[in-house]
Amino acid sequence: MNRELVDTQAAHEALQSLAAELEKRRFSVRLRTVEGRPLSLIVTNTAAPVLTESILTAPDDSGALWYWFPWRAPISRVDDITAAADLIERVLAEVGRPAS
């Protein structure tokens, strides 16, 4: 994962698309822009606000743009928003959360 190679516009669009999908699934989302840091999406489970995570974008070894957890764990390519949202939902699910 090489964050220096991220196209800022592509990252912004990818994170906005993911945000829209996660909002449909009852998550709170906020795009975080901090000078000198990569764009990230802050995702919070509204039913259990302690369950919060940042999502980043960065290319994989082949140069394809992926969503990543900050601990450098890949989520999915940015063109597979459903797979990304499914995994994020599993990671941030509260006990008894109905499947989307």
N, C-alpha and C. Protein backbone atom coordinates (compact mmCIF):
# COMPACT_ATOMS: atom_id res chain seq x y z
N MET A 1 0.86 -1.17 0.00
CA MET A 1 0.00 0.00 0.00
C MET A 1 0.90 1.23 0.00
N ASN A 2 0.81 2.02 -1.05
CA ASN A 2 1.63 3.22 -1.16
C ASN A 2 0.72 4.44 -1.25
N ARG A 3 0.53 5.12 -0.14
CA ARG A 3 -0.40 6.25 -0.09
C ARG A 3 0.09 7.46 -0.88
N GLU A 4 1.39 7.56 -1.13
CA GLU A 4 1.91 8.70 -1.87
C GLU A 4 1.47 8.69 -3.34
N LEU A 5 1.08 7.54 -3.86
CA LEU A 5 0.72 7.42 -5.26
C LEU A 5 -0.77 7.60 -5.54
N VAL A 6 -1.54 7.99 -4.54
CA VAL A 6 -2.99 8.11 -4.70
C VAL A 6 -3.35 9.40 -5.42
N ASP A 7 -4.17 9.27 -6.46
CA ASP A 7 -4.77 10.40 -7.14
C ASP A 7 -5.85 10.95 -6.21
N THR A 8 -5.70 12.18 -5.73
CA THR A 8 -6.61 12.75 -4.74
C THR A 8 -8.05 12.77 -5.23
N GLN A 9 -8.26 13.12 -6.49
CA GLN A 9 -9.62 13.16 -7.03
C GLN A 9 -10.24 11.76 -7.07
N ALA A 10 -9.47 10.78 -7.52
CA ALA A 10 -9.96 9.39 -7.56
C ALA A 10 -10.27 8.90 -6.16
N ALA A 11 -9.41 9.22 -5.20
CA ALA A 11 -9.64 8.82 -3.81
C ALA A 11 -10.91 9.45 -3.27
N HIS A 12 -11.10 10.73 -3.54
CA HIS A 12 -12.29 11.44 -3.08
C HIS A 12 -13.55 10.81 -3.65
N GLU A 13 -13.58 10.55 -4.94
CA GLU A 13 -14.75 9.95 -5.59
C GLU A 13 -15.02 8.55 -5.04
N ALA A 14 -13.96 7.76 -4.84
CA ALA A 14 -14.13 6.40 -4.32
C ALA A 14 -14.69 6.43 -2.91
N LEU A 15 -14.17 7.31 -2.07
CA LEU A 15 -14.66 7.39 -0.70
C LEU A 15 -16.09 7.92 -0.64
N GLN A 16 -16.44 8.85 -1.52
CA GLN A 16 -17.82 9.35 -1.57
C GLN A 16 -18.79 8.24 -1.98
N SER A 17 -18.40 7.42 -2.94
CA SER A 17 -19.25 6.30 -3.38
C SER A 17 -19.45 5.31 -2.25
N LEU A 18 -18.37 4.99 -1.55
CA LEU A 18 -18.47 4.07 -0.42
C LEU A 18 -19.33 4.68 0.69
N ALA A 19 -19.17 5.96 0.94
CA ALA A 19 -19.97 6.64 1.96
C ALA A 19 -21.46 6.51 1.67
N ALA A 20 -21.85 6.69 0.43
CA ALA A 20 -23.27 6.59 0.06
C ALA A 20 -23.80 5.19 0.36
N GLU A 21 -23.02 4.17 0.04
CA GLU A 21 -23.46 2.80 0.30
C GLU A 21 -23.55 2.52 1.80
N LEU A 22 -22.58 2.99 2.56
CA LEU A 22 -22.60 2.75 4.01
C LEU A 22 -23.73 3.52 4.70
N GLU A 23 -24.06 4.70 4.21
CA GLU A 23 -25.19 5.44 4.78
C GLU A 23 -26.49 4.66 4.58
N LYS A 24 -26.65 3.99 3.46
CA LYS A 24 -27.84 3.15 3.22
C LYS A 24 -27.93 2.03 4.24
N ARG A 25 -26.78 1.64 4.77
CA ARG A 25 -26.71 0.54 5.74
C ARG A 25 -26.72 1.05 7.19
N ARG A 26 -27.12 2.27 7.38
CA ARG A 26 -27.30 2.86 8.72
C ARG A 26 -25.99 3.15 9.45
N PHE A 27 -24.95 3.49 8.70
CA PHE A 27 -23.70 3.94 9.31
C PHE A 27 -23.59 5.45 9.14
N SER A 28 -22.94 6.09 10.08
CA SER A 28 -22.61 7.50 9.96
C SER A 28 -21.24 7.58 9.29
N VAL A 29 -21.11 8.47 8.33
CA VAL A 29 -19.83 8.60 7.62
C VAL A 29 -19.43 10.07 7.54
N ARG A 30 -18.12 10.28 7.55
CA ARG A 30 -17.59 11.64 7.45
C ARG A 30 -16.26 11.56 6.71
N LEU A 31 -16.14 12.37 5.68
CA LEU A 31 -14.88 12.44 4.94
C LEU A 31 -13.93 13.33 5.74
N ARG A 32 -12.76 12.80 6.07
CA ARG A 32 -11.78 13.55 6.85
C ARG A 32 -10.68 14.06 5.93
N THR A 33 -10.51 15.35 5.94
CA THR A 33 -9.43 15.98 5.18
C THR A 33 -8.56 16.75 6.15
N VAL A 34 -7.34 16.32 6.27
CA VAL A 34 -6.37 16.96 7.16
C VAL A 34 -5.14 17.27 6.32
N GLU A 35 -4.70 18.51 6.38
CA GLU A 35 -3.52 18.94 5.62
C GLU A 35 -2.35 18.00 5.89
N GLY A 36 -1.75 17.52 4.81
CA GLY A 36 -0.58 16.66 4.93
C GLY A 36 -0.88 15.20 5.21
N ARG A 37 -2.16 14.82 5.27
CA ARG A 37 -2.54 13.43 5.52
C ARG A 37 -3.46 12.96 4.40
N PRO A 38 -3.49 11.67 4.13
CA PRO A 38 -4.37 11.18 3.07
C PRO A 38 -5.84 11.34 3.46
N LEU A 39 -6.68 11.47 2.45
CA LEU A 39 -8.13 11.49 2.69
C LEU A 39 -8.53 10.19 3.36
N SER A 40 -9.50 10.26 4.23
CA SER A 40 -10.02 9.03 4.83
C SER A 40 -11.51 9.21 5.10
N LEU A 41 -12.17 8.10 5.22
CA LEU A 41 -13.60 8.09 5.53
C LEU A 41 -13.73 7.54 6.95
N ILE A 42 -14.34 8.32 7.82
CA ILE A 42 -14.59 7.87 9.18
C ILE A 42 -15.98 7.24 9.19
N VAL A 43 -16.05 5.97 9.55
CA VAL A 43 -17.30 5.22 9.54
C VAL A 43 -17.65 4.85 10.98
N THR A 44 -18.88 5.18 11.38
CA THR A 44 -19.33 4.90 12.74
C THR A 44 -20.65 4.14 12.70
N ASN A 45 -20.73 3.10 13.50
CA ASN A 45 -21.97 2.35 13.66
C ASN A 45 -22.87 3.18 14.57
N THR A 46 -23.99 3.67 14.05
CA THR A 46 -24.86 4.55 14.83
C THR A 46 -25.53 3.81 15.99
N ALA A 47 -25.67 2.48 15.89
CA ALA A 47 -26.27 1.70 16.98
C ALA A 47 -25.26 1.42 18.09
N ALA A 48 -23.97 1.53 17.77
CA ALA A 48 -22.91 1.29 18.75
C ALA A 48 -21.75 2.22 18.39
N PRO A 49 -21.84 3.50 18.75
CA PRO A 49 -20.85 4.50 18.31
C PRO A 49 -19.40 4.21 18.67
N VAL A 50 -19.16 3.32 19.62
CA VAL A 50 -17.78 2.95 19.93
C VAL A 50 -17.15 2.18 18.76
N LEU A 51 -17.98 1.63 17.90
CA LEU A 51 -17.50 0.89 16.73
C LEU A 51 -17.28 1.88 15.59
N THR A 52 -16.07 2.38 15.49
CA THR A 52 -15.70 3.39 14.51
C THR A 52 -14.38 2.99 13.88
N GLU A 53 -14.27 3.26 12.57
CA GLU A 53 -13.02 2.93 11.87
C GLU A 53 -12.78 3.93 10.75
N SER A 54 -11.52 4.10 10.41
CA SER A 54 -11.12 4.92 9.26
C SER A 54 -10.91 4.01 8.07
N ILE A 55 -11.29 4.49 6.89
CA ILE A 55 -11.07 3.77 5.64
C ILE A 55 -10.23 4.67 4.75
N LEU A 56 -9.19 4.11 4.15
CA LEU A 56 -8.29 4.84 3.27
C LEU A 56 -8.36 4.26 1.87
N THR A 57 -7.79 4.96 0.91
CA THR A 57 -7.61 4.41 -0.43
C THR A 57 -6.12 4.45 -0.76
N ALA A 58 -5.67 3.43 -1.46
CA ALA A 58 -4.28 3.37 -1.91
C ALA A 58 -4.18 2.28 -2.97
N PRO A 59 -3.21 2.40 -3.85
CA PRO A 59 -3.04 1.36 -4.86
C PRO A 59 -2.41 0.11 -4.25
N ASP A 60 -2.76 -1.03 -4.84
CA ASP A 60 -2.09 -2.27 -4.46
C ASP A 60 -0.79 -2.39 -5.25
N ASP A 61 -0.13 -3.52 -5.17
CA ASP A 61 1.17 -3.70 -5.85
C ASP A 61 1.07 -3.57 -7.36
N SER A 62 -0.11 -3.84 -7.93
CA SER A 62 -0.27 -3.75 -9.39
C SER A 62 -0.72 -2.35 -9.82
N GLY A 63 -0.99 -1.46 -8.85
CA GLY A 63 -1.41 -0.10 -9.18
C GLY A 63 -2.91 0.12 -9.14
N ALA A 64 -3.70 -0.93 -8.91
CA ALA A 64 -5.16 -0.79 -8.82
C ALA A 64 -5.53 -0.13 -7.49
N LEU A 65 -6.47 0.80 -7.52
CA LEU A 65 -6.89 1.52 -6.32
C LEU A 65 -7.80 0.63 -5.47
N TRP A 66 -7.46 0.52 -4.20
CA TRP A 66 -8.20 -0.30 -3.24
C TRP A 66 -8.61 0.54 -2.04
N TYR A 67 -9.65 0.05 -1.34
CA TYR A 67 -9.97 0.54 -0.01
C TYR A 67 -9.12 -0.26 0.97
N TRP A 68 -8.65 0.41 2.05
CA TRP A 68 -7.81 -0.23 3.04
C TRP A 68 -8.23 0.18 4.44
N PHE A 69 -8.06 -0.74 5.39
CA PHE A 69 -8.11 -0.37 6.80
C PHE A 69 -6.76 0.26 7.14
N PRO A 70 -6.69 1.11 8.16
CA PRO A 70 -5.44 1.80 8.45
C PRO A 70 -4.31 0.88 8.92
N TRP A 71 -4.64 -0.33 9.33
CA TRP A 71 -3.58 -1.26 9.74
C TRP A 71 -3.05 -2.04 8.53
N ARG A 72 -3.24 -1.45 7.33
CA ARG A 72 -2.73 -1.97 6.05
C ARG A 72 -3.36 -3.30 5.64
N ALA A 73 -4.61 -3.49 6.02
CA ALA A 73 -5.37 -4.66 5.60
C ALA A 73 -6.26 -4.24 4.44
N PRO A 74 -6.16 -4.93 3.30
CA PRO A 74 -6.99 -4.56 2.15
C PRO A 74 -8.45 -4.92 2.39
N ILE A 75 -9.33 -4.10 1.83
CA ILE A 75 -10.77 -4.34 1.93
C ILE A 75 -11.29 -4.87 0.60
N SER A 76 -11.19 -4.06 -0.45
CA SER A 76 -11.57 -4.48 -1.81
C SER A 76 -11.13 -3.39 -2.78
N ARG A 77 -11.15 -3.74 -4.06
CA ARG A 77 -10.91 -2.72 -5.08
C ARG A 77 -12.02 -1.69 -5.00
N VAL A 78 -11.73 -0.45 -5.38
CA VAL A 78 -12.73 0.61 -5.26
C VAL A 78 -13.88 0.42 -6.24
N ASP A 79 -13.71 -0.43 -7.24
CA ASP A 79 -14.81 -0.66 -8.17
C ASP A 79 -15.78 -1.74 -7.67
N ASP A 80 -15.55 -2.28 -6.47
CA ASP A 80 -16.46 -3.26 -5.88
C ASP A 80 -16.96 -2.72 -4.54
N ILE A 81 -17.81 -1.72 -4.63
CA ILE A 81 -18.32 -1.04 -3.44
C ILE A 81 -19.12 -1.98 -2.55
N THR A 82 -19.88 -2.89 -3.14
CA THR A 82 -20.68 -3.81 -2.34
C THR A 82 -19.79 -4.69 -1.47
N ALA A 83 -18.73 -5.23 -2.04
CA ALA A 83 -17.80 -6.07 -1.27
C ALA A 83 -17.16 -5.26 -0.15
N ALA A 84 -16.77 -4.03 -0.45
CA ALA A 84 -16.16 -3.17 0.57
C ALA A 84 -17.13 -2.90 1.70
N ALA A 85 -18.36 -2.52 1.36
CA ALA A 85 -19.36 -2.21 2.37
C ALA A 85 -19.71 -3.46 3.19
N ASP A 86 -19.77 -4.62 2.55
CA ASP A 86 -20.06 -5.87 3.27
C ASP A 86 -18.99 -6.14 4.33
N LEU A 87 -17.71 -6.01 3.96
CA LEU A 87 -16.64 -6.28 4.91
C LEU A 87 -16.62 -5.25 6.03
N ILE A 88 -16.77 -3.98 5.69
CA ILE A 88 -16.78 -2.93 6.71
C ILE A 88 -17.95 -3.15 7.67
N GLU A 89 -19.09 -3.52 7.12
CA GLU A 89 -20.25 -3.78 7.98
C GLU A 89 -19.98 -4.94 8.93
N ARG A 90 -19.33 -6.00 8.46
CA ARG A 90 -19.00 -7.13 9.34
C ARG A 90 -18.04 -6.70 10.45
N VAL A 91 -17.06 -5.88 10.11
CA VAL A 91 -16.08 -5.42 11.10
C VAL A 91 -16.73 -4.53 12.15
N LEU A 92 -17.67 -3.69 11.74
CA LEU A 92 -18.28 -2.73 12.66
C LEU A 92 -19.66 -3.14 13.17
N ALA A 93 -20.04 -4.39 12.97
CA ALA A 93 -21.38 -4.84 13.36
C ALA A 93 -21.51 -5.00 14.87
N GLU A 94 -22.61 -4.52 15.40
CA GLU A 94 -22.93 -4.75 16.80
C GLU A 94 -23.57 -6.13 16.92
N VAL A 95 -23.60 -6.68 18.12
CA VAL A 95 -24.22 -7.98 18.36
C VAL A 95 -25.68 -7.91 17.96
N GLY A 96 -26.14 -8.88 17.18
CA GLY A 96 -27.53 -8.94 16.78
C GLY A 96 -27.89 -8.09 15.58
N ARG A 97 -26.90 -7.49 14.93
CA ARG A 97 -27.19 -6.65 13.77
C ARG A 97 -27.74 -7.53 12.65
N PRO A 98 -28.91 -7.17 12.09
CA PRO A 98 -29.44 -7.93 10.95
C PRO A 98 -28.56 -7.71 9.72
N ALA A 99 -28.40 -8.75 8.93
CA ALA A 99 -27.60 -8.66 7.72
C ALA A 99 -28.27 -7.73 6.71
N SER A 100 -27.46 -6.96 5.99
CA SER A 100 -28.00 -6.06 4.96
C SER A 100 -28.30 -6.81 3.70
